[in-house]
Amino acid sequence: MTADVNFGDLRAWGNALGLEEVAYATQREFLDQCLTARQKENPDPALQFLMDGFGAGSAFKVLAQRKG
């Protein structure tokens, strides 16, 4: 699912509610942190699409917050 999100407001609201920001990154940066070395060396086509720096990898953002 995709949607237009005002991340500035969402981050501020989370902070005001006491949420800790775990990550705010491009989809590419976020996925890169989650992948194993083997996955990075031999990415499948779907992963390449998701991490494309000129497409989905830079167009989409990830915000992860958690309570306390």
PDB file of N, CA and C in Angstrom:
ATOM      1  N   MET A   1       0.842  -1.149   0.000  1.00  0.00           N
ATOM      2  CA  MET A   1       0.000   0.000   0.000  1.00  0.00           C
ATOM      3  C   MET A   1       0.903   1.232   0.000  1.00  0.00           C
ATOM      4  N   THR A   2       0.559   2.212  -0.797  1.00  0.00           N
ATOM      5  CA  THR A   2       1.288   3.472  -0.800  1.00  0.00           C
ATOM      6  C   THR A   2       0.321   4.608  -0.510  1.00  0.00           C
ATOM      7  N   ALA A   3       0.864   5.667   0.035  1.00  0.00           N
ATOM      8  CA  ALA A   3       0.043   6.841   0.355  1.00  0.00           C
ATOM      9  C   ALA A   3       0.956   8.045   0.491  1.00  0.00           C
ATOM     10  N   ASP A   4       0.401   9.214   0.266  1.00  0.00           N
ATOM     11  CA  ASP A   4       1.141  10.440   0.545  1.00  0.00           C
ATOM     12  C   ASP A   4       1.088  10.674   2.048  1.00  0.00           C
ATOM     13  N   VAL A   5       2.254  10.860   2.644  1.00  0.00           N
ATOM     14  CA  VAL A   5       2.346  11.006   4.095  1.00  0.00           C
ATOM     15  C   VAL A   5       3.182  12.241   4.415  1.00  0.00           C
ATOM     16  N   ASN A   6       2.704  13.037   5.338  1.00  0.00           N
ATOM     17  CA  ASN A   6       3.477  14.173   5.830  1.00  0.00           C
ATOM     18  C   ASN A   6       4.347  13.648   6.974  1.00  0.00           C
ATOM     19  N   PHE A   7       5.556  13.226   6.634  1.00  0.00           N
ATOM     20  CA  PHE A   7       6.427  12.617   7.632  1.00  0.00           C
ATOM     21  C   PHE A   7       6.845  13.604   8.714  1.00  0.00           C
ATOM     22  N   GLY A   8       6.954  14.876   8.378  1.00  0.00           N
ATOM     23  CA  GLY A   8       7.298  15.869   9.396  1.00  0.00           C
ATOM     24  C   GLY A   8       6.278  15.889  10.517  1.00  0.00           C
ATOM     25  N   ASP A   9       4.995  15.943  10.140  1.00  0.00           N
ATOM     26  CA  ASP A   9       3.940  15.922  11.159  1.00  0.00           C
ATOM     27  C   ASP A   9       3.900  14.582  11.890  1.00  0.00           C
ATOM     28  N   LEU A  10       4.011  13.507  11.157  1.00  0.00           N
ATOM     29  CA  LEU A  10       3.940  12.181  11.772  1.00  0.00           C
ATOM     30  C   LEU A  10       5.070  11.980  12.782  1.00  0.00           C
ATOM     31  N   ARG A  11       6.263  12.437  12.439  1.00  0.00           N
ATOM     32  CA  ARG A  11       7.394  12.324  13.360  1.00  0.00           C
ATOM     33  C   ARG A  11       7.160  13.184  14.601  1.00  0.00           C
ATOM     34  N   ALA A  12       6.636  14.398  14.394  1.00  0.00           N
ATOM     35  CA  ALA A  12       6.372  15.299  15.524  1.00  0.00           C
ATOM     36  C   ALA A  12       5.293  14.734  16.439  1.00  0.00           C
ATOM     37  N   TRP A  13       4.236  14.177  15.863  1.00  0.00           N
ATOM     38  CA  TRP A  13       3.152  13.594  16.676  1.00  0.00           C
ATOM     39  C   TRP A  13       3.679  12.412  17.486  1.00  0.00           C
ATOM     40  N   GLY A  14       4.471  11.565  16.841  1.00  0.00           N
ATOM     41  CA  GLY A  14       5.042  10.424  17.549  1.00  0.00           C
ATOM     42  C   GLY A  14       5.915  10.870  18.702  1.00  0.00           C
ATOM     43  N   ASN A  15       6.721  11.889  18.453  1.00  0.00           N
ATOM     44  CA  ASN A  15       7.583  12.431  19.505  1.00  0.00           C
ATOM     45  C   ASN A  15       6.744  12.981  20.658  1.00  0.00           C
ATOM     46  N   ALA A  16       5.680  13.707  20.337  1.00  0.00           N
ATOM     47  CA  ALA A  16       4.808  14.281  21.370  1.00  0.00           C
ATOM     48  C   ALA A  16       4.114  13.197  22.192  1.00  0.00           C
ATOM     49  N   LEU A  17       3.906  12.023  21.581  1.00  0.00           N
ATOM     50  CA  LEU A  17       3.255  10.911  22.275  1.00  0.00           C
ATOM     51  C   LEU A  17       4.259  10.008  22.986  1.00  0.00           C
ATOM     52  N   GLY A  18       5.529  10.395  22.949  1.00  0.00           N
ATOM     53  CA  GLY A  18       6.550   9.617  23.644  1.00  0.00           C
ATOM     54  C   GLY A  18       7.109   8.454  22.847  1.00  0.00           C
ATOM     55  N   LEU A  19       6.896   8.457  21.539  1.00  0.00           N
ATOM     56  CA  LEU A  19       7.444   7.385  20.715  1.00  0.00           C
ATOM     57  C   LEU A  19       8.903   7.666  20.387  1.00  0.00           C
ATOM     58  N   GLU A  20       9.670   6.617  20.360  1.00  0.00           N
ATOM     59  CA  GLU A  20      11.079   6.707  19.979  1.00  0.00           C
ATOM     60  C   GLU A  20      11.184   6.437  18.488  1.00  0.00           C
ATOM     61  N   GLU A  21      11.907   7.270  17.781  1.00  0.00           N
ATOM     62  CA  GLU A  21      12.107   7.048  16.351  1.00  0.00           C
ATOM     63  C   GLU A  21      13.214   6.027  16.162  1.00  0.00           C
ATOM     64  N   VAL A  22      12.875   4.929  15.537  1.00  0.00           N
ATOM     65  CA  VAL A  22      13.827   3.854  15.299  1.00  0.00           C
ATOM     66  C   VAL A  22      14.529   4.059  13.963  1.00  0.00           C
ATOM     67  N   ALA A  23      13.760   4.489  12.965  1.00  0.00           N
ATOM     68  CA  ALA A  23      14.341   4.696  11.643  1.00  0.00           C
ATOM     69  C   ALA A  23      13.504   5.679  10.849  1.00  0.00           C
ATOM     70  N   TYR A  24      14.182   6.503  10.082  1.00  0.00           N
ATOM     71  CA  TYR A  24      13.551   7.329   9.060  1.00  0.00           C
ATOM     72  C   TYR A  24      14.535   7.336   7.905  1.00  0.00           C
ATOM     73  N   ALA A  25      14.184   6.660   6.836  1.00  0.00           N
ATOM     74  CA  ALA A  25      15.132   6.454   5.750  1.00  0.00           C
ATOM     75  C   ALA A  25      14.383   6.190   4.449  1.00  0.00           C
ATOM     76  N   THR A  26      15.133   6.187   3.363  1.00  0.00           N
ATOM     77  CA  THR A  26      14.538   5.754   2.106  1.00  0.00           C
ATOM     78  C   THR A  26      14.304   4.248   2.190  1.00  0.00           C
ATOM     79  N   GLN A  27      13.447   3.749   1.334  1.00  0.00           N
ATOM     80  CA  GLN A  27      13.187   2.310   1.306  1.00  0.00           C
ATOM     81  C   GLN A  27      14.484   1.553   1.056  1.00  0.00           C
ATOM     82  N   ARG A  28      15.326   2.085   0.172  1.00  0.00           N
ATOM     83  CA  ARG A  28      16.610   1.444  -0.137  1.00  0.00           C
ATOM     84  C   ARG A  28      17.496   1.356   1.110  1.00  0.00           C
ATOM     85  N   GLU A  29      17.634   2.462   1.824  1.00  0.00           N
ATOM     86  CA  GLU A  29      18.473   2.479   3.036  1.00  0.00           C
ATOM     87  C   GLU A  29      17.935   1.521   4.087  1.00  0.00           C
ATOM     88  N   PHE A  30      16.620   1.520   4.266  1.00  0.00           N
ATOM     89  CA  PHE A  30      16.005   0.668   5.273  1.00  0.00           C
ATOM     90  C   PHE A  30      16.210  -0.812   4.939  1.00  0.00           C
ATOM     91  N   LEU A  31      15.934  -1.180   3.687  1.00  0.00           N
ATOM     92  CA  LEU A  31      16.095  -2.584   3.298  1.00  0.00           C
ATOM     93  C   LEU A  31      17.556  -3.018   3.360  1.00  0.00           C
ATOM     94  N   ASP A  32      18.452  -2.117   3.006  1.00  0.00           N
ATOM     95  CA  ASP A  32      19.877  -2.444   3.033  1.00  0.00           C
ATOM     96  C   ASP A  32      20.330  -2.840   4.442  1.00  0.00           C
ATOM     97  N   GLN A  33      19.748  -2.210   5.449  1.00  0.00           N
ATOM     98  CA  GLN A  33      20.088  -2.543   6.833  1.00  0.00           C
ATOM     99  C   GLN A  33      19.528  -3.901   7.247  1.00  0.00           C
ATOM    100  N   CYS A  34      18.492  -4.349   6.569  1.00  0.00           N
ATOM    101  CA  CYS A  34      17.820  -5.608   6.935  1.00  0.00           C
ATOM    102  C   CYS A  34      18.372  -6.826   6.204  1.00  0.00           C
ATOM    103  N   LEU A  35      19.121  -6.612   5.148  1.00  0.00           N
ATOM    104  CA  LEU A  35      19.565  -7.720   4.315  1.00  0.00           C
ATOM    105  C   LEU A  35      20.832  -8.380   4.831  1.00  0.00           C
ATOM    106  N   THR A  36      20.953  -9.662   4.551  1.00  0.00           N
ATOM    107  CA  THR A  36      22.180 -10.385   4.857  1.00  0.00           C
ATOM    108  C   THR A  36      23.187 -10.115   3.728  1.00  0.00           C
ATOM    109  N   ALA A  37      24.439 -10.426   3.972  1.00  0.00           N
ATOM    110  CA  ALA A  37      25.469 -10.250   2.946  1.00  0.00           C
ATOM    111  C   ALA A  37      25.127 -11.069   1.705  1.00  0.00           C
ATOM    112  N   ARG A  38      24.602 -12.262   1.903  1.00  0.00           N
ATOM    113  CA  ARG A  38      24.257 -13.126   0.765  1.00  0.00           C
ATOM    114  C   ARG A  38      23.140 -12.505  -0.078  1.00  0.00           C
ATOM    115  N   GLN A  39      22.139 -11.926   0.586  1.00  0.00           N
ATOM    116  CA  GLN A  39      21.053 -11.284  -0.147  1.00  0.00           C
ATOM    117  C   GLN A  39      21.558 -10.074  -0.927  1.00  0.00           C
ATOM    118  N   LYS A  40      22.520  -9.360  -0.357  1.00  0.00           N
ATOM    119  CA  LYS A  40      23.075  -8.195  -1.040  1.00  0.00           C
ATOM    120  C   LYS A  40      23.895  -8.604  -2.263  1.00  0.00           C
ATOM    121  N   GLU A  41      24.593  -9.732  -2.162  1.00  0.00           N
ATOM    122  CA  GLU A  41      25.427 -10.206  -3.257  1.00  0.00           C
ATOM    123  C   GLU A  41      24.606 -10.773  -4.409  1.00  0.00           C
ATOM    124  N   ASN A  42      23.501 -11.414  -4.096  1.00  0.00           N
ATOM    125  CA  ASN A  42      22.664 -12.065  -5.108  1.00  0.00           C
ATOM    126  C   ASN A  42      21.199 -11.653  -4.969  1.00  0.00           C
ATOM    127  N   PRO A  43      20.902 -10.370  -5.166  1.00  0.00           N
ATOM    128  CA  PRO A  43      19.507  -9.931  -4.992  1.00  0.00           C
ATOM    129  C   PRO A  43      18.612 -10.470  -6.103  1.00  0.00           C
ATOM    130  N   ASP A  44      17.395 -10.853  -5.737  1.00  0.00           N
ATOM    131  CA  ASP A  44      16.460 -11.303  -6.754  1.00  0.00           C
ATOM    132  C   ASP A  44      15.848 -10.075  -7.437  1.00  0.00           C
ATOM    133  N   PRO A  45      15.196 -10.249  -8.584  1.00  0.00           N
ATOM    134  CA  PRO A  45      14.650  -9.111  -9.330  1.00  0.00           C
ATOM    135  C   PRO A  45      13.673  -8.253  -8.529  1.00  0.00           C
ATOM    136  N   ALA A  46      12.861  -8.863  -7.685  1.00  0.00           N
ATOM    137  CA  ALA A  46      11.905  -8.088  -6.884  1.00  0.00           C
ATOM    138  C   ALA A  46      12.650  -7.182  -5.911  1.00  0.00           C
ATOM    139  N   LEU A  47      13.696  -7.689  -5.307  1.00  0.00           N
ATOM    140  CA  LEU A  47      14.489  -6.900  -4.372  1.00  0.00           C
ATOM    141  C   LEU A  47      15.221  -5.779  -5.104  1.00  0.00           C
ATOM    142  N   GLN A  48      15.723  -6.064  -6.281  1.00  0.00           N
ATOM    143  CA  GLN A  48      16.384  -5.028  -7.080  1.00  0.00           C
ATOM    144  C   GLN A  48      15.403  -3.895  -7.388  1.00  0.00           C
ATOM    145  N   PHE A  49      14.167  -4.252  -7.719  1.00  0.00           N
ATOM    146  CA  PHE A  49      13.147  -3.240  -7.984  1.00  0.00           C
ATOM    147  C   PHE A  49      12.893  -2.391  -6.745  1.00  0.00           C
ATOM    148  N   LEU A  50      12.738  -3.033  -5.602  1.00  0.00           N
ATOM    149  CA  LEU A  50      12.445  -2.313  -4.360  1.00  0.00           C
ATOM    150  C   LEU A  50      13.590  -1.404  -3.924  1.00  0.00           C
ATOM    151  N   MET A  51      14.818  -1.757  -4.323  1.00  0.00           N
ATOM    152  CA  MET A  51      15.987  -0.995  -3.882  1.00  0.00           C
ATOM    153  C   MET A  51      16.552  -0.066  -4.958  1.00  0.00           C
ATOM    154  N   ASP A  52      15.921  -0.009  -6.101  1.00  0.00           N
ATOM    155  CA  ASP A  52      16.403   0.826  -7.202  1.00  0.00           C
ATOM    156  C   ASP A  52      16.518   2.282  -6.759  1.00  0.00           C
ATOM    157  N   GLY A  53      17.733   2.812  -6.795  1.00  0.00           N
ATOM    158  CA  GLY A  53      17.978   4.182  -6.365  1.00  0.00           C
ATOM    159  C   GLY A  53      17.345   5.239  -7.250  1.00  0.00           C
ATOM    160  N   PHE A  54      16.936   4.855  -8.453  1.00  0.00           N
ATOM    161  CA  PHE A  54      16.290   5.788  -9.373  1.00  0.00           C
ATOM    162  C   PHE A  54      14.791   5.521  -9.468  1.00  0.00           C
ATOM    163  N   GLY A  55      14.273   4.663  -8.600  1.00  0.00           N
ATOM    164  CA  GLY A  55      12.855   4.315  -8.619  1.00  0.00           C
ATOM    165  C   GLY A  55      12.316   4.161  -7.216  1.00  0.00           C
ATOM    166  N   ALA A  56      11.757   2.991  -6.968  1.00  0.00           N
ATOM    167  CA  ALA A  56      11.091   2.734  -5.691  1.00  0.00           C
ATOM    168  C   ALA A  56      12.020   2.904  -4.493  1.00  0.00           C
ATOM    169  N   GLY A  57      13.274   2.586  -4.648  1.00  0.00           N
ATOM    170  CA  GLY A  57      14.210   2.666  -3.531  1.00  0.00           C
ATOM    171  C   GLY A  57      14.396   4.063  -2.974  1.00  0.00           C
ATOM    172  N   SER A  58      14.270   5.057  -3.838  1.00  0.00           N
ATOM    173  CA  SER A  58      14.413   6.439  -3.365  1.00  0.00           C
ATOM    174  C   SER A  58      13.078   7.165  -3.282  1.00  0.00           C
ATOM    175  N   ALA A  59      12.070   6.674  -3.983  1.00  0.00           N
ATOM    176  CA  ALA A  59      10.766   7.347  -4.001  1.00  0.00           C
ATOM    177  C   ALA A  59       9.988   7.126  -2.714  1.00  0.00           C
ATOM    178  N   PHE A  60      10.185   5.987  -2.077  1.00  0.00           N
ATOM    179  CA  PHE A  60       9.424   5.631  -0.896  1.00  0.00           C
ATOM    180  C   PHE A  60      10.275   5.778   0.357  1.00  0.00           C
ATOM    181  N   LYS A  61       9.641   6.193   1.435  1.00  0.00           N
ATOM    182  CA  LYS A  61      10.316   6.389   2.713  1.00  0.00           C
ATOM    183  C   LYS A  61       9.750   5.423   3.757  1.00  0.00           C
ATOM    184  N   VAL A  62      10.546   5.174   4.775  1.00  0.00           N
ATOM    185  CA  VAL A  62      10.157   4.302   5.875  1.00  0.00           C
ATOM    186  C   VAL A  62      10.333   5.062   7.185  1.00  0.00           C
ATOM    187  N   LEU A  63       9.285   5.042   8.001  1.00  0.00           N
ATOM    188  CA  LEU A  63       9.366   5.608   9.340  1.00  0.00           C
ATOM    189  C   LEU A  63       8.987   4.497  10.315  1.00  0.00           C
ATOM    190  N   ALA A  64       9.888   4.204  11.227  1.00  0.00           N
ATOM    191  CA  ALA A  64       9.609   3.212  12.270  1.00  0.00           C
ATOM    192  C   ALA A  64       9.730   3.906  13.621  1.00  0.00           C
ATOM    193  N   GLN A  65       8.681   3.779  14.427  1.00  0.00           N
ATOM    194  CA  GLN A  65       8.671   4.346  15.761  1.00  0.00           C
ATOM    195  C   GLN A  65       8.233   3.264  16.728  1.00  0.00           C
ATOM    196  N   ARG A  66       8.644   3.406  17.992  1.00  0.00           N
ATOM    197  CA  ARG A  66       8.223   2.434  18.999  1.00  0.00           C
ATOM    198  C   ARG A  66       7.999   3.143  20.334  1.00  0.00           C
ATOM    199  N   LYS A  67       7.192   2.527  21.114  1.00  0.00           N
ATOM    200  CA  LYS A  67       6.890   3.056  22.444  1.00  0.00           C
ATOM    201  C   LYS A  67       8.011   2.694  23.392  1.00  0.00           C
ATOM    202  N   GLY A  68       8.537   3.722  24.113  1.00  0.00           N
ATOM    203  CA  GLY A  68       9.536   3.546  25.169  1.00  0.00           C
ATOM    204  C   GLY A  68      10.614   2.634  24.788  1.00  0.00           C
TER     205      GLY A  68
END
